[in-house]
PDB file of N, CA and C in Angstrom:
ATOM      1  N   UNK A   1       9.312 -17.401  37.798  1.00  0.00           N
ATOM      2  CA  UNK A   1      10.909 -16.384  38.021  1.00  0.00           C
ATOM      3  C   UNK A   1      10.889 -16.147  39.412  1.00  0.00           C
ATOM      4  N   UNK A   2      12.267 -16.421  39.934  1.00  0.00           N
ATOM      5  CA  UNK A   2      11.946 -16.019  41.298  1.00  0.00           C
ATOM      6  C   UNK A   2      12.612 -14.558  41.746  1.00  0.00           C
ATOM      7  N   UNK A   3      12.390 -13.955  42.753  1.00  0.00           N
ATOM      8  CA  UNK A   3      12.322 -12.252  43.056  1.00  0.00           C
ATOM      9  C   UNK A   3      13.654 -12.175  43.717  1.00  0.00           C
ATOM     10  N   UNK A   4      13.989 -11.155  43.869  1.00  0.00           N
ATOM     11  CA  UNK A   4      15.556 -10.828  44.534  1.00  0.00           C
ATOM     12  C   UNK A   4      15.173 -10.097  45.277  1.00  0.00           C
ATOM     13  N   UNK A   5      15.562 -10.622  47.137  1.00  0.00           N
ATOM     14  CA  UNK A   5      15.075  -9.718  48.153  1.00  0.00           C
ATOM     15  C   UNK A   5      16.455  -8.749  48.143  1.00  0.00           C
ATOM     16  N   UNK A   6      16.336  -7.949  48.639  1.00  0.00           N
ATOM     17  CA  UNK A   6      15.382  -6.973  49.729  1.00  0.00           C
ATOM     18  C   UNK A   6      14.405  -6.316  48.616  1.00  0.00           C
ATOM     19  N   UNK A   7      14.702  -6.371  47.506  1.00  0.00           N
ATOM     20  CA  UNK A   7      14.041  -4.901  46.540  1.00  0.00           C
ATOM     21  C   UNK A   7      12.578  -5.381  46.306  1.00  0.00           C
ATOM     22  N   UNK A   8      11.879  -6.627  46.347  1.00  0.00           N
ATOM     23  CA  UNK A   8      10.538  -6.663  46.008  1.00  0.00           C
ATOM     24  C   UNK A   8      10.187  -7.512  46.830  1.00  0.00           C
ATOM     25  N   UNK A   9       8.898  -7.785  46.858  1.00  0.00           N
ATOM     26  CA  UNK A   9       8.051  -8.415  47.800  1.00  0.00           C
ATOM     27  C   UNK A   9       7.339  -9.603  46.758  1.00  0.00           C
ATOM     28  N   UNK A  10       7.497 -10.801  47.256  1.00  0.00           N
ATOM     29  CA  UNK A  10       7.193 -11.781  46.291  1.00  0.00           C
ATOM     30  C   UNK A  10       5.825 -11.423  45.606  1.00  0.00           C
ATOM     31  N   UNK A  11       4.833 -11.058  46.663  1.00  0.00           N
ATOM     32  CA  UNK A  11       3.328 -11.004  46.490  1.00  0.00           C
ATOM     33  C   UNK A  11       3.004 -10.029  45.450  1.00  0.00           C
ATOM     34  N   UNK A  12       3.933  -8.838  45.335  1.00  0.00           N
ATOM     35  CA  UNK A  12       3.565  -7.990  44.225  1.00  0.00           C
ATOM     36  C   UNK A  12       4.553  -8.324  43.067  1.00  0.00           C
ATOM     37  N   UNK A  13       5.775  -8.515  43.318  1.00  0.00           N
ATOM     38  CA  UNK A  13       6.733  -8.581  41.811  1.00  0.00           C
ATOM     39  C   UNK A  13       6.345  -9.493  41.193  1.00  0.00           C
ATOM     40  N   UNK A  14       6.118 -10.642  41.368  1.00  0.00           N
ATOM     41  CA  UNK A  14       5.754 -11.571  40.515  1.00  0.00           C
ATOM     42  C   UNK A  14       4.705 -11.416  39.752  1.00  0.00           C
ATOM     43  N   UNK A  15       3.482 -10.709  40.379  1.00  0.00           N
ATOM     44  CA  UNK A  15       2.300 -10.310  39.849  1.00  0.00           C
ATOM     45  C   UNK A  15       3.038  -9.094  38.137  1.00  0.00           C
ATOM     46  N   UNK A  16       3.746  -8.161  38.772  1.00  0.00           N
ATOM     47  CA  UNK A  16       3.979  -7.298  38.128  1.00  0.00           C
ATOM     48  C   UNK A  16       5.497  -7.818  36.772  1.00  0.00           C
ATOM     49  N   UNK A  17       5.758  -8.882  37.134  1.00  0.00           N
ATOM     50  CA  UNK A  17       6.323  -9.481  35.945  1.00  0.00           C
ATOM     51  C   UNK A  17       5.467 -10.268  34.928  1.00  0.00           C
ATOM     52  N   UNK A  18       4.640 -10.842  35.450  1.00  0.00           N
ATOM     53  CA  UNK A  18       3.524 -11.367  34.757  1.00  0.00           C
ATOM     54  C   UNK A  18       3.142 -10.453  34.070  1.00  0.00           C
ATOM     55  N   UNK A  19       2.584  -8.999  34.341  1.00  0.00           N
ATOM     56  CA  UNK A  19       1.826  -8.220  33.829  1.00  0.00           C
ATOM     57  C   UNK A  19       2.419  -7.755  32.703  1.00  0.00           C
ATOM     58  N   UNK A  20       4.080  -7.442  33.199  1.00  0.00           N
ATOM     59  CA  UNK A  20       5.204  -7.169  32.197  1.00  0.00           C
ATOM     60  C   UNK A  20       4.985  -7.961  31.115  1.00  0.00           C
ATOM     61  N   UNK A  21       4.910  -9.255  31.004  1.00  0.00           N
ATOM     62  CA  UNK A  21       4.982 -10.105  29.906  1.00  0.00           C
ATOM     63  C   UNK A  21       3.551 -10.253  28.894  1.00  0.00           C
ATOM     64  N   UNK A  22       2.613 -10.036  30.073  1.00  0.00           N
ATOM     65  CA  UNK A  22       1.307 -10.241  29.029  1.00  0.00           C
ATOM     66  C   UNK A  22       1.190  -8.820  28.423  1.00  0.00           C
ATOM     67  N   UNK A  23       1.960  -7.456  28.814  1.00  0.00           N
ATOM     68  CA  UNK A  23       1.981  -6.258  28.101  1.00  0.00           C
ATOM     69  C   UNK A  23       2.723  -6.568  26.669  1.00  0.00           C
ATOM     70  N   UNK A  24       3.974  -6.987  27.298  1.00  0.00           N
ATOM     71  CA  UNK A  24       4.502  -7.438  25.817  1.00  0.00           C
ATOM     72  C   UNK A  24       3.743  -7.839  24.884  1.00  0.00           C
ATOM     73  N   UNK A  25       3.266  -9.303  25.217  1.00  0.00           N
ATOM     74  CA  UNK A  25       2.514 -10.366  24.308  1.00  0.00           C
ATOM     75  C   UNK A  25       1.334  -9.180  23.389  1.00  0.00           C
ATOM     76  N   UNK A  26       0.911  -8.327  24.502  1.00  0.00           N
ATOM     77  CA  UNK A  26      -0.149  -7.510  23.541  1.00  0.00           C
ATOM     78  C   UNK A  26       0.377  -6.600  22.863  1.00  0.00           C
ATOM     79  N   UNK A  27       1.534  -5.730  23.140  1.00  0.00           N
ATOM     80  CA  UNK A  27       2.072  -5.196  22.017  1.00  0.00           C
ATOM     81  C   UNK A  27       2.498  -5.315  21.003  1.00  0.00           C
ATOM     82  N   UNK A  28       2.826  -7.219  20.852  1.00  0.00           N
ATOM     83  CA  UNK A  28       3.509  -7.458  19.803  1.00  0.00           C
ATOM     84  C   UNK A  28       2.455  -7.816  18.951  1.00  0.00           C
ATOM     85  N   UNK A  29       1.014  -8.182  19.755  1.00  0.00           N
ATOM     86  CA  UNK A  29      -0.233  -8.550  18.941  1.00  0.00           C
ATOM     87  C   UNK A  29      -0.533  -7.556  18.241  1.00  0.00           C
ATOM     88  N   UNK A  30      -0.772  -6.480  18.975  1.00  0.00           N
ATOM     89  CA  UNK A  30      -1.035  -5.289  18.227  1.00  0.00           C
ATOM     90  C   UNK A  30      -0.520  -4.491  17.124  1.00  0.00           C
ATOM     91  N   UNK A  31       0.853  -4.598  17.249  1.00  0.00           N
ATOM     92  CA  UNK A  31       1.911  -4.376  16.209  1.00  0.00           C
ATOM     93  C   UNK A  31       1.714  -5.287  15.013  1.00  0.00           C
ATOM     94  N   UNK A  32       1.466  -6.395  14.894  1.00  0.00           N
ATOM     95  CA  UNK A  32       1.182  -7.174  13.924  1.00  0.00           C
ATOM     96  C   UNK A  32      -0.225  -7.017  13.350  1.00  0.00           C
ATOM     97  N   UNK A  33      -1.146  -6.622  14.115  1.00  0.00           N
ATOM     98  CA  UNK A  33      -2.243  -6.365  13.505  1.00  0.00           C
ATOM     99  C   UNK A  33      -2.580  -5.484  12.967  1.00  0.00           C
ATOM    100  N   UNK A  34      -1.559  -4.206  13.746  1.00  0.00           N
ATOM    101  CA  UNK A  34      -1.747  -2.736  12.616  1.00  0.00           C
ATOM    102  C   UNK A  34      -0.958  -3.153  11.511  1.00  0.00           C
ATOM    103  N   UNK A  35       0.283  -4.168  11.109  1.00  0.00           N
ATOM    104  CA  UNK A  35       0.888  -4.150  10.424  1.00  0.00           C
ATOM    105  C   UNK A  35      -0.059  -4.573   9.203  1.00  0.00           C
ATOM    106  N   UNK A  36      -0.686  -5.821   9.811  1.00  0.00           N
ATOM    107  CA  UNK A  36      -2.085  -6.303   8.869  1.00  0.00           C
ATOM    108  C   UNK A  36      -2.868  -5.417   8.216  1.00  0.00           C
ATOM    109  N   UNK A  37      -3.527  -4.603   8.793  1.00  0.00           N
ATOM    110  CA  UNK A  37      -4.603  -3.565   8.349  1.00  0.00           C
ATOM    111  C   UNK A  37      -3.726  -2.798   7.644  1.00  0.00           C
ATOM    112  N   UNK A  38      -2.728  -2.311   7.684  1.00  0.00           N
ATOM    113  CA  UNK A  38      -2.219  -1.023   7.159  1.00  0.00           C
ATOM    114  C   UNK A  38      -1.894  -1.478   5.805  1.00  0.00           C
ATOM    115  N   UNK A  39      -1.471  -2.830   5.212  1.00  0.00           N
ATOM    116  CA  UNK A  39      -1.403  -3.388   3.995  1.00  0.00           C
ATOM    117  C   UNK A  39      -2.943  -3.501   3.656  1.00  0.00           C
ATOM    118  N   UNK A  40      -3.584  -3.917   4.416  1.00  0.00           N
ATOM    119  CA  UNK A  40      -5.062  -4.554   3.859  1.00  0.00           C
ATOM    120  C   UNK A  40      -5.759  -2.922   3.399  1.00  0.00           C
ATOM    121  N   UNK A  41      -5.478  -1.945   3.737  1.00  0.00           N
ATOM    122  CA  UNK A  41      -5.972  -0.452   3.485  1.00  0.00           C
ATOM    123  C   UNK A  41      -5.236   0.180   2.635  1.00  0.00           C
ATOM    124  N   UNK A  42      -3.998  -0.173   2.324  1.00  0.00           N
ATOM    125  CA  UNK A  42      -3.202   0.455   1.065  1.00  0.00           C
ATOM    126  C   UNK A  42      -2.526  -0.439   0.062  1.00  0.00           C
ATOM    127  N   UNK A  43      -3.536  -1.229  -0.773  1.00  0.00           N
ATOM    128  CA  UNK A  43      -2.767  -2.238  -1.653  1.00  0.00           C
ATOM    129  C   UNK A  43      -2.136  -1.761  -2.714  1.00  0.00           C
ATOM    130  N   UNK A  44      -1.881  -0.337  -2.681  1.00  0.00           N
ATOM    131  CA  UNK A  44      -1.234   0.108  -3.779  1.00  0.00           C
ATOM    132  C   UNK A  44       0.311   0.086  -3.710  1.00  0.00           C
ATOM    133  N   UNK A  45       0.388   0.396  -2.275  1.00  0.00           N
ATOM    134  CA  UNK A  45       1.750   0.776  -1.846  1.00  0.00           C
ATOM    135  C   UNK A  45       2.574  -0.928  -1.536  1.00  0.00           C
ATOM    136  N   UNK A  46       3.129  -1.577  -2.125  1.00  0.00           N
ATOM    137  CA  UNK A  46       3.815  -2.460  -1.396  1.00  0.00           C
ATOM    138  C   UNK A  46       5.336  -2.343  -0.711  1.00  0.00           C
ATOM    139  N   UNK A  47       5.501  -3.040  -0.259  1.00  0.00           N
ATOM    140  CA  UNK A  47       6.597  -3.049   0.452  1.00  0.00           C
ATOM    141  C   UNK A  47       7.951  -2.454  -0.283  1.00  0.00           C
ATOM    142  N   UNK A  48       8.282  -2.561  -1.208  1.00  0.00           N
ATOM    143  CA  UNK A  48       9.109  -2.207  -2.110  1.00  0.00           C
ATOM    144  C   UNK A  48       8.669  -1.449  -3.345  1.00  0.00           C
ATOM    145  N   UNK A  49       7.993  -0.294  -3.165  1.00  0.00           N
ATOM    146  CA  UNK A  49       7.507   0.480  -4.361  1.00  0.00           C
ATOM    147  C   UNK A  49       8.171   0.710  -5.168  1.00  0.00           C
ATOM    148  N   UNK A  50       9.329   1.509  -4.715  1.00  0.00           N
ATOM    149  CA  UNK A  50      10.581   1.965  -5.602  1.00  0.00           C
ATOM    150  C   UNK A  50      11.031   1.116  -6.701  1.00  0.00           C
ATOM    151  N   UNK A  51      11.162  -0.563  -5.996  1.00  0.00           N
ATOM    152  CA  UNK A  51      11.835  -1.258  -7.059  1.00  0.00           C
ATOM    153  C   UNK A  51      10.734  -2.029  -8.165  1.00  0.00           C
ATOM    154  N   UNK A  52       9.491  -1.657  -8.014  1.00  0.00           N
ATOM    155  CA  UNK A  52       8.927  -2.248  -9.188  1.00  0.00           C
ATOM    156  C   UNK A  52       8.450  -2.083 -10.147  1.00  0.00           C
ATOM    157  N   UNK A  53       8.513  -2.564 -11.649  1.00  0.00           N
ATOM    158  CA  UNK A  53       8.260  -2.049 -12.863  1.00  0.00           C
ATOM    159  C   UNK A  53       7.387  -1.239 -13.126  1.00  0.00           C
ATOM    160  N   UNK A  54       7.600   0.089 -13.670  1.00  0.00           N
ATOM    161  CA  UNK A  54       7.049   1.433 -13.500  1.00  0.00           C
ATOM    162  C   UNK A  54       6.865   1.518 -15.399  1.00  0.00           C
ATOM    163  N   UNK A  55       5.558   1.544 -15.706  1.00  0.00           N
ATOM    164  CA  UNK A  55       4.774   1.267 -16.998  1.00  0.00           C
ATOM    165  C   UNK A  55       5.043   2.501 -17.737  1.00  0.00           C
ATOM    166  N   UNK A  56       5.168   2.888 -18.759  1.00  0.00           N
ATOM    167  CA  UNK A  56       4.498   4.524 -19.208  1.00  0.00           C
ATOM    168  C   UNK A  56       3.239   3.922 -20.236  1.00  0.00           C
ATOM    169  N   UNK A  57       2.780   5.421 -20.268  1.00  0.00           N
ATOM    170  CA  UNK A  57       1.199   5.052 -20.825  1.00  0.00           C
ATOM    171  C   UNK A  57       1.340   4.248 -22.073  1.00  0.00           C
ATOM    172  N   UNK A  58       2.080   4.409 -23.014  1.00  0.00           N
ATOM    173  CA  UNK A  58       2.405   3.906 -24.402  1.00  0.00           C
ATOM    174  C   UNK A  58       2.713   2.246 -24.474  1.00  0.00           C
ATOM    175  N   UNK A  59       3.097   1.834 -23.160  1.00  0.00           N
ATOM    176  CA  UNK A  59       3.302   0.593 -22.951  1.00  0.00           C
ATOM    177  C   UNK A  59       2.243   0.137 -22.422  1.00  0.00           C
ATOM    178  N   UNK A  60       1.581   0.510 -21.572  1.00  0.00           N
ATOM    179  CA  UNK A  60      -0.038  -0.165 -21.455  1.00  0.00           C
ATOM    180  C   UNK A  60      -0.703  -0.236 -22.409  1.00  0.00           C
ATOM    181  N   UNK A  61      -0.593   1.377 -23.203  1.00  0.00           N
ATOM    182  CA  UNK A  61      -1.694   1.154 -24.321  1.00  0.00           C
ATOM    183  C   UNK A  61      -1.422  -0.055 -25.491  1.00  0.00           C
ATOM    184  N   UNK A  62      -0.393  -0.253 -25.706  1.00  0.00           N
ATOM    185  CA  UNK A  62       0.216  -1.352 -26.454  1.00  0.00           C
ATOM    186  C   UNK A  62      -0.319  -3.046 -25.775  1.00  0.00           C
ATOM    187  N   UNK A  63      -0.126  -2.802 -24.798  1.00  0.00           N
ATOM    188  CA  UNK A  63      -0.685  -4.225 -23.859  1.00  0.00           C
ATOM    189  C   UNK A  63      -1.850  -4.405 -23.758  1.00  0.00           C
ATOM    190  N   UNK A  64      -2.875  -3.334 -23.832  1.00  0.00           N
ATOM    191  CA  UNK A  64      -4.127  -3.391 -23.792  1.00  0.00           C
ATOM    192  C   UNK A  64      -4.882  -3.085 -24.397  1.00  0.00           C
ATOM    193  N   UNK A  65      -3.992  -2.600 -26.147  1.00  0.00           N
ATOM    194  CA  UNK A  65      -5.029  -2.540 -27.244  1.00  0.00           C
ATOM    195  C   UNK A  65      -5.781  -1.131 -27.064  1.00  0.00           C
ATOM    196  N   UNK A  66      -5.518  -0.377 -26.686  1.00  0.00           N
ATOM    197  CA  UNK A  66      -5.804   0.936 -26.047  1.00  0.00           C
ATOM    198  C   UNK A  66      -5.171   2.043 -26.828  1.00  0.00           C
ATOM    199  N   UNK A  67      -5.981   3.157 -27.198  1.00  0.00           N
ATOM    200  CA  UNK A  67      -5.419   4.495 -27.491  1.00  0.00           C
ATOM    201  C   UNK A  67      -4.276   4.900 -26.117  1.00  0.00           C
ATOM    202  N   UNK A  68      -3.387   5.498 -26.239  1.00  0.00           N
ATOM    203  CA  UNK A  68      -2.714   6.453 -25.264  1.00  0.00           C
ATOM    204  C   UNK A  68      -3.391   7.515 -24.585  1.00  0.00           C
ATOM    205  N   UNK A  69      -4.273   8.010 -25.113  1.00  0.00           N
ATOM    206  CA  UNK A  69      -5.306   9.136 -24.218  1.00  0.00           C
ATOM    207  C   UNK A  69      -6.461   8.495 -23.466  1.00  0.00           C
ATOM    208  N   UNK A  70      -6.766   7.273 -23.987  1.00  0.00           N
ATOM    209  CA  UNK A  70      -8.015   6.528 -23.144  1.00  0.00           C
ATOM    210  C   UNK A  70      -7.362   6.202 -21.909  1.00  0.00           C
ATOM    211  N   UNK A  71      -5.776   5.728 -22.062  1.00  0.00           N
ATOM    212  CA  UNK A  71      -5.034   4.735 -20.825  1.00  0.00           C
ATOM    213  C   UNK A  71      -4.695   5.921 -19.744  1.00  0.00           C
ATOM    214  N   UNK A  72      -4.329   7.106 -20.459  1.00  0.00           N
ATOM    215  CA  UNK A  72      -3.932   8.413 -19.512  1.00  0.00           C
ATOM    216  C   UNK A  72      -5.218   8.691 -18.842  1.00  0.00           C
ATOM    217  N   UNK A  73      -6.337   8.969 -19.309  1.00  0.00           N
ATOM    218  CA  UNK A  73      -7.134   9.243 -18.520  1.00  0.00           C
ATOM    219  C   UNK A  73      -7.908   7.917 -17.319  1.00  0.00           C
ATOM    220  N   UNK A  74      -7.522   6.585 -17.880  1.00  0.00           N
ATOM    221  CA  UNK A  74      -7.979   5.896 -17.139  1.00  0.00           C
ATOM    222  C   UNK A  74      -6.720   6.171 -15.617  1.00  0.00           C
ATOM    223  N   UNK A  75      -5.461   6.281 -15.750  1.00  0.00           N
ATOM    224  CA  UNK A  75      -4.682   6.679 -14.501  1.00  0.00           C
ATOM    225  C   UNK A  75      -4.239   7.665 -13.993  1.00  0.00           C
ATOM    226  N   UNK A  76      -4.395   8.663 -14.797  1.00  0.00           N
ATOM    227  CA  UNK A  76      -4.091   9.870 -14.597  1.00  0.00           C
ATOM    228  C   UNK A  76      -4.242  10.568 -12.901  1.00  0.00           C
ATOM    229  N   UNK A  77      -5.459   9.722 -12.172  1.00  0.00           N
ATOM    230  CA  UNK A  77      -6.047  10.388 -11.007  1.00  0.00           C
ATOM    231  C   UNK A  77      -6.040   9.174  -9.833  1.00  0.00           C
ATOM    232  N   UNK A  78      -5.382   7.900 -10.304  1.00  0.00           N
ATOM    233  CA  UNK A  78      -4.803   7.051  -9.532  1.00  0.00           C
ATOM    234  C   UNK A  78      -3.827   7.212  -8.405  1.00  0.00           C
ATOM    235  N   UNK A  79      -4.438   6.464  -7.082  1.00  0.00           N
ATOM    236  CA  UNK A  79      -3.259   6.777  -6.143  1.00  0.00           C
ATOM    237  C   UNK A  79      -1.982   5.834  -6.500  1.00  0.00           C
ATOM    238  N   UNK A  80      -0.408   6.164  -6.266  1.00  0.00           N
ATOM    239  CA  UNK A  80       0.170   5.632  -6.723  1.00  0.00           C
ATOM    240  C   UNK A  80       1.072   6.207  -8.204  1.00  0.00           C
ATOM    241  N   UNK A  81       0.320   6.582  -8.723  1.00  0.00           N
ATOM    242  CA  UNK A  81       0.941   6.743 -10.264  1.00  0.00           C
ATOM    243  C   UNK A  81       1.858   8.018 -10.204  1.00  0.00           C
ATOM    244  N   UNK A  82       2.976   8.231 -10.711  1.00  0.00           N
ATOM    245  CA  UNK A  82       3.766   9.126 -10.605  1.00  0.00           C
ATOM    246  C   UNK A  82       3.442  10.312 -11.961  1.00  0.00           C
ATOM    247  N   UNK A  83       3.518  11.175 -11.610  1.00  0.00           N
ATOM    248  CA  UNK A  83       3.138  12.391 -12.641  1.00  0.00           C
ATOM    249  C   UNK A  83       4.084  13.373 -12.706  1.00  0.00           C
ATOM    250  N   UNK A  84       5.144  13.556 -13.880  1.00  0.00           N
ATOM    251  CA  UNK A  84       6.302  14.093 -14.092  1.00  0.00           C
ATOM    252  C   UNK A  84       5.378  15.542 -14.705  1.00  0.00           C
ATOM    253  N   UNK A  85       5.991  16.891 -14.386  1.00  0.00           N
ATOM    254  CA  UNK A  85       5.255  17.824 -15.044  1.00  0.00           C
ATOM    255  C   UNK A  85       4.956  18.762 -14.243  1.00  0.00           C
ATOM    256  N   UNK A  86       4.694  20.109 -14.785  1.00  0.00           N
ATOM    257  CA  UNK A  86       4.056  21.062 -13.711  1.00  0.00           C
ATOM    258  C   UNK A  86       2.754  21.591 -14.451  1.00  0.00           C
ATOM    259  N   UNK A  87       1.846  22.293 -14.171  1.00  0.00           N
ATOM    260  CA  UNK A  87       0.944  23.121 -14.128  1.00  0.00           C
ATOM    261  C   UNK A  87       1.400  24.332 -15.454  1.00  0.00           C
ATOM    262  N   UNK A  88       0.795  24.339 -16.303  1.00  0.00           N
ATOM    263  CA  UNK A  88       0.885  25.258 -17.566  1.00  0.00           C
ATOM    264  C   UNK A  88      -0.258  26.824 -17.111  1.00  0.00           C
ATOM    265  N   UNK A  89      -0.108  27.197 -17.858  1.00  0.00           N
ATOM    266  CA  UNK A  89      -0.446  28.456 -18.156  1.00  0.00           C
ATOM    267  C   UNK A  89      -1.877  28.182 -18.889  1.00  0.00           C
ATOM    268  N   UNK A  90      -2.725  29.216 -18.425  1.00  0.00           N
ATOM    269  CA  UNK A  90      -4.374  28.834 -19.251  1.00  0.00           C
ATOM    270  C   UNK A  90      -3.964  28.719 -20.589  1.00  0.00           C
ATOM    271  N   UNK A  91      -4.653  28.029 -21.462  1.00  0.00           N
ATOM    272  CA  UNK A  91      -4.540  28.362 -23.033  1.00  0.00           C
ATOM    273  C   UNK A  91      -3.041  27.708 -23.657  1.00  0.00           C
ATOM    274  N   UNK A  92      -2.341  26.960 -22.838  1.00  0.00           N
ATOM    275  CA  UNK A  92      -1.380  26.348 -23.386  1.00  0.00           C
ATOM    276  C   UNK A  92      -1.095  24.841 -23.068  1.00  0.00           C
ATOM    277  N   UNK A  93      -0.484  24.337 -23.546  1.00  0.00           N
ATOM    278  CA  UNK A  93      -0.720  22.398 -23.712  1.00  0.00           C
ATOM    279  C   UNK A  93       0.219  22.137 -22.426  1.00  0.00           C
ATOM    280  N   UNK A  94      -0.784  21.200 -21.734  1.00  0.00           N
ATOM    281  CA  UNK A  94       0.089  20.877 -20.548  1.00  0.00           C
ATOM    282  C   UNK A  94       1.091  19.586 -21.382  1.00  0.00           C
ATOM    283  N   UNK A  95       2.030  19.503 -20.383  1.00  0.00           N
ATOM    284  CA  UNK A  95       3.139  18.421 -20.936  1.00  0.00           C
ATOM    285  C   UNK A  95       3.460  17.606 -19.833  1.00  0.00           C
ATOM    286  N   UNK A  96       2.622  16.383 -19.461  1.00  0.00           N
ATOM    287  CA  UNK A  96       2.641  15.450 -18.656  1.00  0.00           C
ATOM    288  C   UNK A  96       3.463  14.304 -18.880  1.00  0.00           C
ATOM    289  N   UNK A  97       4.679  13.719 -18.174  1.00  0.00           N
ATOM    290  CA  UNK A  97       4.904  12.117 -18.321  1.00  0.00           C
ATOM    291  C   UNK A  97       4.215  11.134 -16.866  1.00  0.00           C
ATOM    292  N   UNK A  98       3.523   9.959 -17.423  1.00  0.00           N
ATOM    293  CA  UNK A  98       3.039   9.366 -16.466  1.00  0.00           C
ATOM    294  C   UNK A  98       3.871   7.939 -15.973  1.00  0.00           C
ATOM    295  N   UNK A  99       4.352   7.583 -14.906  1.00  0.00           N
ATOM    296  CA  UNK A  99       4.643   6.403 -14.846  1.00  0.00           C
ATOM    297  C   UNK A  99       3.833   5.636 -13.999  1.00  0.00           C
ATOM    298  N   UNK A 100       3.408   4.690 -14.044  1.00  0.00           N
ATOM    299  CA  UNK A 100       2.761   3.509 -13.830  1.00  0.00           C
ATOM    300  C   UNK A 100       2.936   2.493 -13.146  1.00  0.00           C
ATOM    301  N   UNK A 101       3.358   2.201 -11.795  1.00  0.00           N
ATOM    302  CA  UNK A 101       3.847   0.941 -11.248  1.00  0.00           C
ATOM    303  C   UNK A 101       2.840  -0.211 -11.234  1.00  0.00           C
ATOM    304  N   UNK A 102       3.555  -1.240 -11.518  1.00  0.00           N
ATOM    305  CA  UNK A 102       2.930  -2.374 -11.634  1.00  0.00           C
ATOM    306  C   UNK A 102       1.756  -2.954 -10.795  1.00  0.00           C
ATOM    307  N   UNK A 103       1.749  -2.750  -9.607  1.00  0.00           N
ATOM    308  CA  UNK A 103       0.743  -2.830  -8.523  1.00  0.00           C
ATOM    309  C   UNK A 103      -0.192  -1.863  -9.298  1.00  0.00           C
ATOM    310  N   UNK A 104      -0.289  -0.648  -9.428  1.00  0.00           N
ATOM    311  CA  UNK A 104      -1.434   0.111  -9.648  1.00  0.00           C
ATOM    312  C   UNK A 104      -2.073  -0.410 -11.239  1.00  0.00           C
ATOM    313  N   UNK A 105      -1.156  -0.849 -11.835  1.00  0.00           N
ATOM    314  CA  UNK A 105      -2.044  -1.501 -13.160  1.00  0.00           C
ATOM    315  C   UNK A 105      -2.900  -2.547 -13.039  1.00  0.00           C
ATOM    316  N   UNK A 106      -2.284  -3.479 -11.815  1.00  0.00           N
ATOM    317  CA  UNK A 106      -2.947  -4.899 -11.244  1.00  0.00           C
ATOM    318  C   UNK A 106      -4.048  -4.622 -11.227  1.00  0.00           C
ATOM    319  N   UNK A 107      -3.883  -3.241 -10.054  1.00  0.00           N
ATOM    320  CA  UNK A 107      -5.313  -3.102  -9.461  1.00  0.00           C
ATOM    321  C   UNK A 107      -6.399  -2.517 -10.596  1.00  0.00           C
ATOM    322  N   UNK A 108      -5.994  -1.447 -11.205  1.00  0.00           N
ATOM    323  CA  UNK A 108      -6.642  -0.953 -12.234  1.00  0.00           C
ATOM    324  C   UNK A 108      -7.458  -1.867 -13.148  1.00  0.00           C
ATOM    325  N   UNK A 109      -6.653  -2.767 -13.130  1.00  0.00           N
ATOM    326  CA  UNK A 109      -7.260  -4.435 -14.441  1.00  0.00           C
ATOM    327  C   UNK A 109      -8.263  -4.974 -13.238  1.00  0.00           C
ATOM    328  N   UNK A 110      -7.865  -5.546 -12.175  1.00  0.00           N
ATOM    329  CA  UNK A 110      -8.953  -6.024 -11.411  1.00  0.00           C
ATOM    330  C   UNK A 110     -10.094  -5.016 -11.282  1.00  0.00           C
ATOM    331  N   UNK A 111     -10.035  -4.161 -11.119  1.00  0.00           N
ATOM    332  CA  UNK A 111     -11.232  -3.314 -11.061  1.00  0.00           C
ATOM    333  C   UNK A 111     -11.965  -3.006 -12.335  1.00  0.00           C
ATOM    334  N   UNK A 112     -11.697  -2.982 -13.456  1.00  0.00           N
ATOM    335  CA  UNK A 112     -12.101  -2.866 -14.641  1.00  0.00           C
ATOM    336  C   UNK A 112     -12.395  -4.250 -15.188  1.00  0.00           C
ATOM    337  N   UNK A 113     -12.208  -5.411 -14.484  1.00  0.00           N
ATOM    338  CA  UNK A 113     -12.592  -6.707 -15.175  1.00  0.00           C
ATOM    339  C   UNK A 113     -13.984  -6.836 -14.839  1.00  0.00           C
ATOM    340  N   UNK A 114     -14.856  -7.177 -16.055  1.00  0.00           N
ATOM    341  CA  UNK A 114     -16.371  -7.355 -16.019  1.00  0.00           C
ATOM    342  C   UNK A 114     -16.571  -8.668 -15.207  1.00  0.00           C
ATOM    343  N   UNK A 115     -17.115  -8.912 -13.980  1.00  0.00           N
ATOM    344  CA  UNK A 115     -16.930  -9.819 -13.175  1.00  0.00           C
ATOM    345  C   UNK A 115     -18.307 -10.560 -13.757  1.00  0.00           C
ATOM    346  N   UNK A 116     -19.196  -9.926 -14.351  1.00  0.00           N
ATOM    347  CA  UNK A 116     -20.567 -10.746 -14.729  1.00  0.00           C
ATOM    348  C   UNK A 116     -20.318 -11.347 -16.031  1.00  0.00           C
ATOM    349  N   UNK A 117     -19.167 -11.122 -16.921  1.00  0.00           N
ATOM    350  CA  UNK A 117     -19.056 -11.961 -18.016  1.00  0.00           C
ATOM    351  C   UNK A 117     -18.580 -13.404 -17.321  1.00  0.00           C
ATOM    352  N   UNK A 118     -18.022 -13.403 -16.333  1.00  0.00           N
ATOM    353  CA  UNK A 118     -16.968 -14.414 -15.906  1.00  0.00           C
ATOM    354  C   UNK A 118     -18.314 -15.539 -15.321  1.00  0.00           C
ATOM    355  N   UNK A 119     -19.452 -15.229 -15.140  1.00  0.00           N
ATOM    356  CA  UNK A 119     -20.484 -16.392 -14.987  1.00  0.00           C
ATOM    357  C   UNK A 119     -21.259 -16.954 -16.096  1.00  0.00           C
ATOM    358  N   UNK A 120     -21.497 -18.072 -15.964  1.00  0.00           N
ATOM    359  CA  UNK A 120     -22.311 -18.856 -17.346  1.00  0.00           C
ATOM    360  C   UNK A 120     -23.906 -19.162 -16.638  1.00  0.00           C
TER     361      UNK A 120
END
């Protein structure tokens, strides 16, 4: 790249342009690396989290042939699960509705799969 006199000296300007290009390349590389590590750290939240299917407790209980109470216990503290309802007074029943994203269901299923039984 040619320098324009009188504003720059070739011995300084060409080096600065090369450093600037290296800086831009480093910034691009760092952004890509950060995006990759962010998605690797947070597998529960894909790009369009709101657009994926959300299951009810009853739907998962039917699919997995388990009781609704057991499914509720499995998913109540999982990150990414939406819990509707409020804290009730002591001694009264809590009314909570869970909506469980498809990615969370897949993650829990993978975690609960018995790895030893697949080996022969």
